[in-house]
Protein backbone atom coordinates (compact mmCIF):
# COMPACT_ATOMS: atom_id res chain seq x y z
CA MET A 1 81.48 114.94 92.75
CA THR A 2 84.93 114.48 94.28
CA THR A 3 86.33 113.10 91.01
CA ASP A 4 85.18 116.09 88.95
CA PRO A 5 88.34 117.19 87.08
CA GLY A 6 87.72 120.88 87.73
CA PHE A 7 87.25 120.33 91.44
CA LEU A 8 90.38 118.17 91.72
CA ALA A 9 92.41 120.71 89.71
CA GLY A 10 91.33 123.44 92.12
CA LEU A 11 92.20 121.27 95.10
CA ARG A 12 95.59 120.45 93.59
CA GLY A 13 96.30 124.14 93.14
CA LEU A 14 95.51 124.90 96.78
CA ALA A 15 97.69 122.03 97.95
CA ARG A 16 100.55 123.29 95.80
CA GLU A 17 100.35 126.68 97.50
CA HIS A 18 100.57 125.00 100.91
CA ALA A 19 103.52 122.87 99.75
CA GLU A 20 105.67 125.95 99.26
CA LEU A 21 105.38 126.62 102.99
CA LEU A 22 107.37 123.41 103.57
CA ARG A 23 110.32 124.22 101.32
CA PRO A 24 112.27 126.52 103.68
CA THR A 25 112.20 124.00 106.53
CA ALA A 26 112.65 120.68 104.68
CA LEU A 27 116.38 120.25 105.21
CA GLY A 28 116.28 121.56 108.76
CA LEU A 29 113.60 119.06 109.77
CA ASP A 30 115.57 116.29 108.07
CA ALA A 31 118.71 117.24 110.04
CA ASP A 32 116.91 117.46 113.38
CA PRO A 33 113.49 115.73 113.58
CA SER A 34 112.99 117.00 117.13
CA THR A 35 112.23 120.44 115.64
CA GLY A 36 109.03 119.07 114.07
CA PRO A 37 106.57 120.38 116.68
CA ALA A 38 108.10 123.87 116.59
CA LEU A 39 108.17 124.00 112.78
CA LEU A 40 104.76 122.44 112.09
CA GLY A 41 102.65 122.80 115.21
CA SER A 42 102.09 126.55 115.29
CA ASP A 43 100.34 127.09 111.95
CA PRO A 44 96.61 126.23 112.13
CA ARG A 45 96.39 126.06 108.33
CA TRP A 46 97.84 122.56 108.36
CA LEU A 47 94.89 121.17 110.30
CA ARG A 48 92.69 121.85 107.26
CA LEU A 49 94.65 119.24 105.29
CA THR A 50 94.55 116.36 107.75
CA GLY A 51 91.00 115.05 107.36
CA MET A 52 89.36 116.60 110.41
CA PRO A 53 85.56 116.11 110.34
CA ALA A 54 83.35 119.11 109.68
CA ALA A 55 82.14 119.31 113.30
CA TYR A 56 85.74 119.98 114.45
CA ASN A 57 87.00 121.94 111.47
CA PRO A 58 85.43 125.43 111.39
CA ASP A 59 87.89 126.74 108.78
CA PRO A 60 88.10 124.15 105.99
CA LEU A 61 89.73 124.50 102.60
CA ARG A 62 87.40 125.91 99.99
CA VAL A 63 87.43 125.10 96.29
CA ALA A 64 85.23 127.46 94.30
CA GLY A 65 83.45 128.33 97.54
CA ARG A 66 82.74 124.71 98.45
CA PRO A 67 84.16 123.46 101.80
CA VAL A 68 86.56 120.52 101.47
CA TYR A 69 87.49 118.42 104.50
CA VAL A 70 90.08 116.16 102.82
CA ASP A 71 88.39 113.17 104.42
CA ARG A 72 87.99 111.12 101.24
CA CYS A 73 90.81 109.09 99.80
CA VAL A 74 90.45 110.77 96.40
CA GLU A 75 90.98 114.17 98.00
CA GLN A 76 93.82 112.94 100.17
CA VAL A 77 95.91 111.50 97.34
CA VAL A 78 95.66 114.75 95.39
CA VAL A 79 96.66 116.88 98.39
CA MET A 80 99.40 114.57 99.67
CA GLU A 81 101.06 114.17 96.29
CA GLU A 82 101.42 117.93 95.95
CA LEU A 83 102.79 118.35 99.47
CA ALA A 84 105.18 115.42 99.02
CA ARG A 85 106.67 117.04 95.92
CA VAL A 86 108.41 119.27 98.45
CA ASP A 87 108.69 117.28 101.69
CA ALA A 88 106.83 114.04 102.37
CA ALA A 89 108.44 113.71 105.79
CA ALA A 90 107.00 117.05 106.93
CA VAL A 91 103.53 116.06 105.74
CA LEU A 92 103.74 112.83 107.69
CA ALA A 93 104.94 114.82 110.70
CA LEU A 94 101.93 117.13 110.79
CA PRO A 95 99.69 117.10 113.87
CA GLY A 96 96.26 115.61 113.25
CA PRO A 97 94.43 112.31 112.92
CA SER A 98 96.60 110.47 110.34
CA MET A 99 96.08 106.66 110.30
CA SER A 100 94.52 106.43 113.74
CA GLY A 101 91.72 108.68 112.49
CA PHE A 102 90.53 105.95 110.12
CA VAL A 103 90.08 103.54 113.03
CA VAL A 104 88.30 106.12 115.17
CA ALA A 105 86.00 107.07 112.30
CA ASP A 106 85.15 103.42 111.64
CA ILE A 107 84.49 101.92 115.06
CA ALA A 108 84.61 104.53 117.85
CA ASP A 109 81.41 105.32 119.71
CA GLU A 110 80.18 108.89 120.05
CA GLU A 111 82.05 109.62 123.29
CA GLN A 112 85.34 108.19 122.01
CA ARG A 113 85.07 110.05 118.73
CA ASP A 114 84.37 113.34 120.51
CA ARG A 115 87.24 112.81 122.97
CA TYR A 116 89.69 112.11 120.16
CA TYR A 117 88.73 114.87 117.72
CA ARG A 118 88.09 117.52 120.36
CA ARG A 119 91.62 117.12 121.65
CA LEU A 120 93.03 117.45 118.11
CA ALA A 121 90.92 120.55 117.50
CA ASP A 122 91.77 122.22 120.82
CA ARG A 123 95.56 122.20 120.40
CA PRO A 124 98.22 120.81 118.03
CA THR A 125 98.26 117.10 118.83
CA TRP A 126 100.23 114.36 117.11
CA THR A 127 98.71 110.90 116.90
CA PHE A 128 100.04 107.39 116.34
CA PHE A 129 98.93 104.02 114.95
CA GLY A 130 100.55 101.22 116.94
CA MET A 131 100.48 97.90 115.10
CA THR A 132 104.02 96.71 114.24
CA GLU A 133 106.00 94.78 116.86
CA PRO A 134 109.75 94.10 117.11
CA ALA A 135 109.49 90.30 116.86
CA HIS A 136 106.34 89.86 114.77
CA GLY A 137 106.05 92.83 112.43
CA SER A 138 102.40 93.53 111.61
CA ASP A 139 101.30 89.88 111.78
CA PRO A 140 98.16 89.95 113.97
CA ALA A 141 98.28 86.19 114.51
CA SER A 142 101.55 86.57 116.44
CA MET A 143 100.74 89.82 118.20
CA GLY A 144 102.33 89.90 121.65
CA THR A 145 100.89 93.15 123.02
CA ALA A 146 98.20 92.11 125.49
CA LEU A 147 95.19 93.74 127.13
CA ARG A 148 94.39 91.90 130.34
CA PRO A 149 92.34 92.48 133.52
CA ALA A 150 94.22 94.59 136.04
CA GLY A 151 93.44 92.25 138.93
CA GLU A 152 91.60 89.14 139.96
CA ASP A 153 88.46 91.15 140.68
CA GLY A 154 88.24 92.01 136.97
CA ALA A 155 88.12 95.76 137.60
CA GLY A 156 89.98 97.74 134.94
CA LEU A 157 92.52 96.63 132.32
CA VAL A 158 96.26 96.95 131.78
CA LEU A 159 98.20 97.10 128.53
CA ASN A 160 101.60 95.43 128.13
CA GLY A 161 103.79 95.17 125.06
CA THR A 162 106.13 96.95 122.66
CA LYS A 163 105.37 98.54 119.29
CA ARG A 164 108.12 99.63 116.88
CA PHE A 165 108.41 101.78 113.75
CA VAL A 166 105.48 103.94 114.86
CA GLY A 167 105.35 107.34 113.16
CA ASN A 168 105.25 110.37 115.48
CA GLY A 169 105.11 107.98 118.46
CA ALA A 170 107.50 109.89 120.72
CA ARG A 171 105.77 113.25 120.13
CA ALA A 172 102.16 111.98 120.10
CA GLY A 173 99.52 112.92 122.63
CA VAL A 174 97.01 110.24 121.76
CA GLY A 175 96.76 107.27 119.42
CA VAL A 176 95.46 103.80 118.72
CA VAL A 177 97.23 100.64 119.94
CA PHE A 178 96.28 97.17 118.73
CA ALA A 179 96.45 94.46 121.36
CA ARG A 180 95.28 90.92 121.93
CA ARG A 181 92.49 90.48 124.45
CA HIS A 182 91.50 86.92 123.51
CA PRO A 183 92.98 84.12 121.34
CA GLY A 184 92.24 84.10 117.62
CA PRO A 185 91.88 86.86 115.02
CA LEU A 186 88.71 88.22 116.60
CA GLY A 187 90.54 88.66 119.88
CA VAL A 188 92.54 91.66 118.58
CA VAL A 189 91.16 94.98 119.79
CA ALA A 190 92.02 98.63 119.18
CA VAL A 191 92.62 100.83 122.23
CA LEU A 192 92.37 104.61 122.31
CA LEU A 193 95.31 105.66 124.46
CA GLU A 194 96.66 108.97 125.78
CA THR A 195 100.43 108.95 126.06
CA ASP A 196 100.62 110.64 129.45
CA ARG A 197 99.41 107.53 131.24
CA PRO A 198 101.79 105.82 133.69
CA GLY A 199 103.82 103.03 132.14
CA PHE A 200 103.84 104.49 128.60
CA THR A 201 107.15 105.48 127.00
CA GLY A 202 107.88 106.69 123.46
CA ILE A 203 111.48 106.54 122.24
CA PRO A 204 112.59 108.06 118.90
CA LEU A 205 114.51 105.77 116.52
CA GLU A 206 117.36 106.79 114.22
CA THR A 207 116.46 106.46 110.53
CA LEU A 208 117.96 107.48 107.19
CA GLY A 209 114.74 108.30 105.34
CA LEU A 210 111.60 110.25 106.28
CA ARG A 211 113.46 111.45 109.35
CA GLY A 212 110.91 114.17 110.10
CA LEU A 213 108.30 111.48 110.78
CA GLN A 214 110.36 110.47 113.81
CA LEU A 215 109.67 106.73 113.84
CA SER A 216 109.52 105.55 117.43
CA GLU A 217 109.32 102.58 119.72
CA LEU A 218 106.41 102.50 122.15
CA ARG A 219 106.88 100.62 125.40
CA MET A 220 103.84 99.86 127.55
CA ARG A 221 104.21 98.36 131.00
CA ASP A 222 100.98 97.91 132.97
CA VAL A 223 99.43 100.97 131.33
CA PRO A 224 95.94 101.44 132.84
CA VAL A 225 93.07 101.16 130.36
CA ALA A 226 89.34 101.60 130.98
CA ASP A 227 86.61 99.72 129.17
CA ALA A 228 85.66 103.10 127.68
CA ASP A 229 89.05 103.17 125.88
CA VAL A 230 88.39 99.99 123.89
CA LEU A 231 87.28 101.10 120.44
CA GLY A 232 84.34 99.22 118.98
CA ARG A 233 83.25 97.87 122.36
CA HIS A 234 79.66 98.38 121.27
CA ARG A 235 80.14 96.40 118.06
CA PRO A 236 80.39 92.66 117.30
CA ALA A 237 83.91 91.21 117.26
CA THR A 238 83.67 90.72 113.50
CA ARG A 239 83.45 94.52 113.18
CA GLY A 240 86.13 95.32 115.76
CA GLY A 241 89.91 95.83 115.84
CA MET A 242 91.12 93.66 112.95
CA TRP A 243 88.24 94.68 110.73
CA ALA A 244 89.16 98.33 111.25
CA ALA A 245 92.88 97.66 110.78
CA VAL A 246 92.36 96.01 107.39
CA ARG A 247 90.12 98.84 106.20
CA THR A 248 92.68 101.37 107.43
CA PHE A 249 95.50 99.73 105.46
CA ASN A 250 93.32 99.56 102.35
CA ARG A 251 92.52 103.26 102.59
CA TYR A 252 95.98 104.42 103.59
CA ARG A 253 98.01 102.53 100.98
CA PRO A 254 96.80 104.79 98.14
CA VAL A 255 97.88 107.73 100.32
CA VAL A 256 101.34 106.17 100.81
CA ALA A 257 101.45 105.69 97.04
CA SER A 258 100.64 109.39 96.60
CA PHE A 259 103.53 110.32 98.89
CA ALA A 260 105.88 108.19 96.77
CA LEU A 261 104.45 109.65 93.57
CA GLY A 262 105.00 113.16 94.89
CA VAL A 263 108.65 112.43 95.67
CA ALA A 264 109.12 110.91 92.20
CA GLN A 265 107.55 113.97 90.59
CA GLY A 266 109.64 116.30 92.73
CA ALA A 267 112.87 114.62 91.57
CA HIS A 268 111.76 114.84 87.93
CA ASP A 269 110.90 118.52 88.29
CA TYR A 270 114.21 119.23 90.02
CA VAL A 271 116.18 117.82 87.06
CA VAL A 272 114.12 119.81 84.57
CA ALA A 273 114.67 123.01 86.55
CA HIS A 274 118.37 122.64 87.35
CA ARG A 275 120.02 120.73 84.52
CA ARG A 276 120.91 123.40 81.97
CA GLN A 277 121.85 121.05 79.15
CA LEU A 278 120.49 117.61 78.44
CA GLY A 279 121.76 115.11 75.91
CA ALA A 280 119.41 113.11 73.72
CA GLY A 281 119.66 110.10 76.05
CA ASP A 282 118.77 112.15 79.13
CA ARG A 283 115.86 113.81 77.33
CA ASP A 284 114.51 110.38 76.42
CA ARG A 285 114.87 109.16 79.99
CA LEU A 286 113.01 112.18 81.33
CA ALA A 287 110.26 111.77 78.74
CA ASP A 288 109.87 108.12 79.72
CA LEU A 289 109.78 109.10 83.37
CA ALA A 290 107.09 111.72 82.68
CA ASP A 291 104.95 109.07 80.97
CA ARG A 292 105.34 106.69 83.89
CA LEU A 293 104.47 109.44 86.37
CA ALA A 294 101.23 110.08 84.52
CA GLY A 295 100.41 106.37 84.40
CA THR A 296 101.15 105.91 88.09
CA ARG A 297 99.01 108.94 88.94
CA ALA A 298 96.08 107.29 87.13
CA THR A 299 96.65 104.07 89.09
CA VAL A 300 96.78 105.92 92.40
CA MET A 301 93.56 107.77 91.59
CA ALA A 302 91.81 104.52 90.61
CA ALA A 303 92.95 102.97 93.91
CA ALA A 304 91.66 105.97 95.86
CA GLU A 305 88.28 105.78 94.15
CA SER A 306 88.12 102.06 94.94
CA ALA A 307 89.04 102.71 98.60
CA ASP A 308 86.30 105.33 98.93
CA HIS A 309 83.79 102.95 97.33
CA ASP A 310 84.75 99.78 99.23
CA PRO A 311 87.44 100.00 101.95
CA GLY A 312 87.21 96.24 102.34
CA ASP A 313 88.89 95.67 98.97
CA GLY A 314 92.62 96.46 98.94
CA THR A 315 93.46 95.08 95.51
CA LEU A 316 94.02 98.35 93.67
CA ALA A 317 95.54 99.93 96.78
CA SER A 318 98.28 97.31 96.70
CA ALA A 319 98.80 97.76 92.97
CA ALA A 320 99.19 101.52 93.42
CA LYS A 321 101.66 101.15 96.26
CA ILE A 322 103.83 98.66 94.35
CA ARG A 323 103.97 100.90 91.30
CA ALA A 324 104.51 104.22 93.07
CA THR A 325 107.18 103.06 95.53
CA ALA A 326 109.25 101.51 92.75
CA LEU A 327 108.93 104.67 90.67
CA ALA A 328 110.01 106.89 93.57
CA GLU A 329 113.24 104.95 93.98
CA GLU A 330 113.94 104.88 90.23
CA SER A 331 113.15 108.57 89.78
CA THR A 332 115.30 109.83 92.65
CA LEU A 333 118.26 107.61 91.73
CA LEU A 334 118.00 108.67 88.08
CA ALA A 335 118.02 112.31 89.15
CA LEU A 336 121.15 111.77 91.23
CA ARG A 337 122.92 110.08 88.30
CA MET A 338 122.07 113.01 86.05
CA PHE A 339 123.99 115.38 88.33
CA GLY A 340 127.10 113.23 88.55
CA PRO A 341 129.18 111.66 91.33
CA GLY A 342 128.93 114.60 93.76
CA ALA A 343 125.16 114.95 93.48
CA ARG A 344 124.34 113.88 97.05
CA TRP A 345 126.56 116.63 98.47
CA GLU A 346 125.86 119.33 95.90
CA HIS A 347 122.09 118.78 95.79
CA PRO A 348 120.96 117.96 99.35
CA MET A 349 117.26 117.92 98.46
CA LEU A 350 117.91 115.15 95.93
CA ASP A 351 119.85 113.23 98.57
CA LYS A 352 116.96 113.62 101.00
CA TRP A 353 114.36 112.54 98.44
CA ALA A 354 116.42 109.45 97.54
CA ARG A 355 116.58 108.46 101.22
CA ASP A 356 112.88 109.20 101.71
CA ALA A 357 111.92 107.17 98.62
CA ARG A 358 113.41 103.99 100.02
CA ALA A 359 111.31 104.30 103.19
CA PHE A 360 108.00 103.98 101.34
CA GLU A 361 108.82 100.36 100.55
CA PHE A 362 108.46 99.51 104.24
CA MET A 363 105.35 101.57 105.04
CA GLU A 364 102.08 99.65 105.49
CA GLY A 365 103.45 96.44 103.98
CA THR A 366 106.39 95.72 101.68
CA SER A 367 105.95 95.07 97.97
CA ASN A 368 105.93 91.31 98.55
CA VAL A 369 102.98 91.73 100.93
CA GLN A 370 101.22 93.90 98.34
CA ARG A 371 101.80 91.24 95.65
CA LEU A 372 100.06 88.67 97.85
CA THR A 373 97.05 90.98 98.21
CA LEU A 374 97.07 91.70 94.48
CA ALA A 375 97.18 87.99 93.66
CA GLN A 376 94.32 87.31 96.06
CA GLY A 377 92.30 90.07 94.42
CA HIS A 378 92.98 88.57 91.00
CA LEU A 379 91.93 85.09 92.13
CA ASN A 380 88.74 86.56 93.60
CA GLY A 381 87.90 88.35 90.35
CA ARG A 382 88.36 91.87 91.72
CA LEU A 383 90.38 93.14 88.78
CA ASP A 384 88.24 94.37 85.92
CA ASP A 385 90.94 94.23 83.25
CA VAL A 386 91.80 90.56 83.58
CA ARG A 387 92.87 88.97 80.36
CA PRO A 388 93.92 85.35 79.84
CA ALA A 389 97.60 84.71 79.27
CA ALA A 390 98.51 84.30 75.60
């Protein structure tokens, strides 16, 4: 039902209407990311686009009268591409569940799920997904953030560690932190954490691209944690923190690809709208770019369908991210070249999109990481269109 072309066309049209709301504030948010809450937190319409479950979303989008909760990957890539054609950074800076919502949906118990979503529904609340560390990146085997007993009597827990490059971290009210509780891969747990607890600090980082997202460093020093904050505590360790993290990456990478695709499409559209005369060479380059945009859109949609069907398989998700992030960089740089040497100063939106495009390479795994996943998927026979080399 969600892949019905008429339904997706209607959803795309609604998303495009919302995208125009972002255009007047795009450059202002890029210049000063601290204005994000004031620019994006007061309009309740945005909450309808962030994947809130039906029980906490009384005013969902409607396509031909049918409520849409944007909680499936297929729906998310359509909506996010359209929004990113104007400002991907603003979309990533919206209050709502974002990546942490995948973890909560997968492994939280009923009380944890209600605590998390009720807070997001009651007031504009930004969330975070704390995985990456300064010394170890996103390698769970080397994770240094630790969840340990608070004292020798075993009562209560404390969280210690540092996470870096965490979107919305400094403005978040609640989020998910991954930490090691025991040795080995099954010893990694996910913790539901409010940011007003003692010992928690969020510090914004300076960046060139996606500045509205306000990447942050999270510092945790003896932050108190209750057993009730450990997500998946009622599940076996094989269905706990790392299991949820892998599924989250597999479902979010098609969404990252849709952000990149939206930026690439935005740059293409900008050239078509603002270049009054095009030579034969430029027309050919734009035609080639249009073909590649359509092909990448098909790849992203296939990855989203795969993620909805089996979140445990990230093969197509990695393929989509590789293709879309490369296209975003090529498209934005091509657009700048078409406007000449002063393009970055004379066309500030193009300059912003070019800086934003580069950032996608580092979100949820670089292209080299995606190639490893893609190769593993190929070796495991997960690619349907596998043909022997000539």
